Amino acid sequence: MRLRVEFTTEPFDLDEVPPHAVAAREVVQGAALDSVDVGPFGNTAEGRAESVLATVDELLRTSLAAGATRVSLQVNVIADAEADTDAEADTDADTAAARGGPGEGGR
């Protein structure tokens, strides 16, 4: 399963990036995620469920310890394109083997 997390930390400071926002950014950028988009008013990250959930745990602990008074987040299940591709590749390999494809004495 793949997940997408969108989050913000507060309080906002329009003059400079607050320490809790820097901490949150460092957590997601250093995590084993497939994509990270950090913006001034919201952040998004995607990856395998285990990685996203571990990152959310660290994100909450780290940003709260750095002074965040509120962390808003949303987690969505997204299509697992890689799993779909792997399943198709397995099916194609099985089909090729059944037809005597490469490596099986095929054409």
C-alpha atoms as a PDB file:
ATOM      1  CA  MET A   1       0.000   0.000   0.000  1.00  0.00           C
ATOM      2  CA  ARG A   2       1.151   3.524  -0.788  1.00  0.00           C
ATOM      3  CA  LEU A   3       0.248   6.639   1.169  1.00  0.00           C
ATOM      4  CA  ARG A   4       0.358  10.378   0.622  1.00  0.00           C
ATOM      5  CA  VAL A   5       0.630  12.685   3.627  1.00  0.00           C
ATOM      6  CA  GLU A   6      -0.066  16.401   3.482  1.00  0.00           C
ATOM      7  CA  PHE A   7       0.837  18.463   6.520  1.00  0.00           C
ATOM      8  CA  THR A   8       1.408  21.914   7.971  1.00  0.00           C
ATOM      9  CA  THR A   9       2.920  23.036  11.248  1.00  0.00           C
ATOM     10  CA  GLU A  10       1.923  26.091  13.232  1.00  0.00           C
ATOM     11  CA  PRO A  11       2.319  28.810  14.338  1.00  0.00           C
ATOM     12  CA  PHE A  12       3.016  30.463  11.004  1.00  0.00           C
ATOM     13  CA  ASP A  13       5.677  33.140  10.702  1.00  0.00           C
ATOM     14  CA  LEU A  14       5.706  35.101   7.469  1.00  0.00           C
ATOM     15  CA  ASP A  15       9.043  36.788   8.227  1.00  0.00           C
ATOM     16  CA  GLU A  16      11.206  33.696   8.736  1.00  0.00           C
ATOM     17  CA  VAL A  17      10.872  29.930   8.752  1.00  0.00           C
ATOM     18  CA  PRO A  18      10.118  28.799  12.319  1.00  0.00           C
ATOM     19  CA  PRO A  19      12.271  26.086  13.913  1.00  0.00           C
ATOM     20  CA  HIS A  20       9.371  23.601  13.953  1.00  0.00           C
ATOM     21  CA  ALA A  21       8.908  24.012  10.184  1.00  0.00           C
ATOM     22  CA  VAL A  22      12.636  23.486   9.590  1.00  0.00           C
ATOM     23  CA  ALA A  23      12.533  20.365  11.776  1.00  0.00           C
ATOM     24  CA  ALA A  24       9.539  18.982   9.861  1.00  0.00           C
ATOM     25  CA  ARG A  25      11.228  19.693   6.522  1.00  0.00           C
ATOM     26  CA  GLU A  26      14.413  17.912   7.618  1.00  0.00           C
ATOM     27  CA  VAL A  27      12.429  14.865   8.748  1.00  0.00           C
ATOM     28  CA  VAL A  28      10.594  14.410   5.444  1.00  0.00           C
ATOM     29  CA  GLN A  29      13.593  15.218   3.276  1.00  0.00           C
ATOM     30  CA  GLY A  30      15.715  12.681   5.155  1.00  0.00           C
ATOM     31  CA  ALA A  31      13.088   9.936   5.108  1.00  0.00           C
ATOM     32  CA  ALA A  32      12.905   6.926   2.800  1.00  0.00           C
ATOM     33  CA  LEU A  33      10.045   8.356   0.737  1.00  0.00           C
ATOM     34  CA  ASP A  34       9.435   8.354  -3.004  1.00  0.00           C
ATOM     35  CA  SER A  35       8.585  12.035  -3.341  1.00  0.00           C
ATOM     36  CA  VAL A  36       8.607  15.114  -1.130  1.00  0.00           C
ATOM     37  CA  ASP A  37       7.244  18.557  -1.958  1.00  0.00           C
ATOM     38  CA  VAL A  38       7.949  21.243   0.639  1.00  0.00           C
ATOM     39  CA  GLY A  39       6.132  24.556   0.293  1.00  0.00           C
ATOM     40  CA  PRO A  40       5.634  27.690   2.360  1.00  0.00           C
ATOM     41  CA  PHE A  41       2.095  26.786   3.484  1.00  0.00           C
ATOM     42  CA  GLY A  42       1.902  23.034   3.026  1.00  0.00           C
ATOM     43  CA  ASN A  43       3.984  19.955   2.425  1.00  0.00           C
ATOM     44  CA  THR A  44       3.351  16.647   0.691  1.00  0.00           C
ATOM     45  CA  ALA A  45       5.198  13.343   0.773  1.00  0.00           C
ATOM     46  CA  GLU A  46       4.501   9.931  -0.755  1.00  0.00           C
ATOM     47  CA  GLY A  47       5.836   6.443  -0.267  1.00  0.00           C
ATOM     48  CA  ARG A  48       5.184   2.954   0.985  1.00  0.00           C
ATOM     49  CA  ALA A  49       2.850   2.827   3.975  1.00  0.00           C
ATOM     50  CA  GLU A  50       5.535   1.693   6.433  1.00  0.00           C
ATOM     51  CA  SER A  51       7.846   4.562   5.481  1.00  0.00           C
ATOM     52  CA  VAL A  52       5.122   7.215   5.517  1.00  0.00           C
ATOM     53  CA  LEU A  53       3.778   6.094   8.892  1.00  0.00           C
ATOM     54  CA  ALA A  54       7.254   6.018  10.449  1.00  0.00           C
ATOM     55  CA  THR A  55       7.937   9.467   9.002  1.00  0.00           C
ATOM     56  CA  VAL A  56       4.656  10.848  10.390  1.00  0.00           C
ATOM     57  CA  ASP A  57       5.593   9.563  13.850  1.00  0.00           C
ATOM     58  CA  GLU A  58       9.012  11.220  13.674  1.00  0.00           C
ATOM     59  CA  LEU A  59       7.536  14.373  12.124  1.00  0.00           C
ATOM     60  CA  LEU A  60       5.046  14.798  14.967  1.00  0.00           C
ATOM     61  CA  ARG A  61       7.566  14.166  17.733  1.00  0.00           C
ATOM     62  CA  THR A  62      10.261  16.366  16.194  1.00  0.00           C
ATOM     63  CA  SER A  63       8.125  19.344  15.182  1.00  0.00           C
ATOM     64  CA  LEU A  64       6.271  19.438  18.527  1.00  0.00           C
ATOM     65  CA  ALA A  65       9.591  19.293  20.383  1.00  0.00           C
ATOM     66  CA  ALA A  66      10.815  22.180  18.187  1.00  0.00           C
ATOM     67  CA  GLY A  67       7.904  24.409  19.181  1.00  0.00           C
ATOM     68  CA  ALA A  68       4.956  23.559  16.958  1.00  0.00           C
ATOM     69  CA  THR A  69       1.668  24.233  18.728  1.00  0.00           C
ATOM     70  CA  ARG A  70      -0.396  22.509  16.047  1.00  0.00           C
ATOM     71  CA  VAL A  71       0.301  19.989  13.309  1.00  0.00           C
ATOM     72  CA  SER A  72      -2.427  19.430  10.751  1.00  0.00           C
ATOM     73  CA  LEU A  73      -2.134  16.392   8.545  1.00  0.00           C
ATOM     74  CA  GLN A  74      -4.093  14.330   6.111  1.00  0.00           C
ATOM     75  CA  VAL A  75      -3.172  10.827   5.002  1.00  0.00           C
ATOM     76  CA  ASN A  76      -4.572   9.291   1.806  1.00  0.00           C
ATOM     77  CA  VAL A  77      -4.188   5.841   0.298  1.00  0.00           C
ATOM     78  CA  ILE A  78      -2.964   6.169  -3.286  1.00  0.00           C
ATOM     79  CA  ALA A  79      -2.699   3.695  -6.139  1.00  0.00           C
ATOM     80  CA  ASP A  80       0.376   1.521  -5.960  1.00  0.00           C
ATOM     81  CA  ALA A  81       1.663   1.871  -9.515  1.00  0.00           C
ATOM     82  CA  GLU A  82       4.832  -0.048  -8.668  1.00  0.00           C
ATOM     83  CA  ALA A  83       2.861  -3.012  -7.308  1.00  0.00           C
ATOM     84  CA  ASP A  84       0.663  -2.946 -10.411  1.00  0.00           C
ATOM     85  CA  THR A  85       3.766  -2.889 -12.620  1.00  0.00           C
ATOM     86  CA  ASP A  86       5.361  -5.760 -10.652  1.00  0.00           C
ATOM     87  CA  ALA A  87       2.174  -7.830 -10.955  1.00  0.00           C
ATOM     88  CA  GLU A  88       2.048  -7.190 -14.707  1.00  0.00           C
ATOM     89  CA  ALA A  89       5.721  -8.140 -15.059  1.00  0.00           C
ATOM     90  CA  ASP A  90       5.115 -11.386 -13.144  1.00  0.00           C
ATOM     91  CA  THR A  91       2.127 -12.171 -15.351  1.00  0.00           C
ATOM     92  CA  ASP A  92       4.131 -11.401 -18.513  1.00  0.00           C
ATOM     93  CA  ALA A  93       7.008 -13.626 -17.305  1.00  0.00           C
ATOM     94  CA  ASP A  94       4.599 -16.456 -16.465  1.00  0.00           C
ATOM     95  CA  THR A  95       2.957 -16.131 -19.889  1.00  0.00           C
ATOM     96  CA  ALA A  96       6.325 -16.113 -21.665  1.00  0.00           C
ATOM     97  CA  ALA A  97       7.465 -19.185 -19.725  1.00  0.00           C
ATOM     98  CA  ALA A  98       4.224 -21.021 -20.555  1.00  0.00           C
ATOM     99  CA  ARG A  99       4.780 -20.239 -24.247  1.00  0.00           C
ATOM    100  CA  GLY A 100       8.380 -21.335 -24.111  1.00  0.00           C
ATOM    101  CA  GLY A 101       9.714 -17.782 -24.070  1.00  0.00           C
ATOM    102  CA  PRO A 102      13.271 -16.585 -23.491  1.00  0.00           C
ATOM    103  CA  GLY A 103      15.211 -18.783 -21.137  1.00  0.00           C
ATOM    104  CA  GLU A 104      12.778 -21.642 -21.665  1.00  0.00           C
ATOM    105  CA  GLY A 105      13.968 -22.769 -25.078  1.00  0.00           C
ATOM    106  CA  GLY A 106      11.566 -20.467 -26.911  1.00  0.00           C
ATOM    107  CA  ARG A 107      11.843 -18.763 -30.244  1.00  0.00           C
END
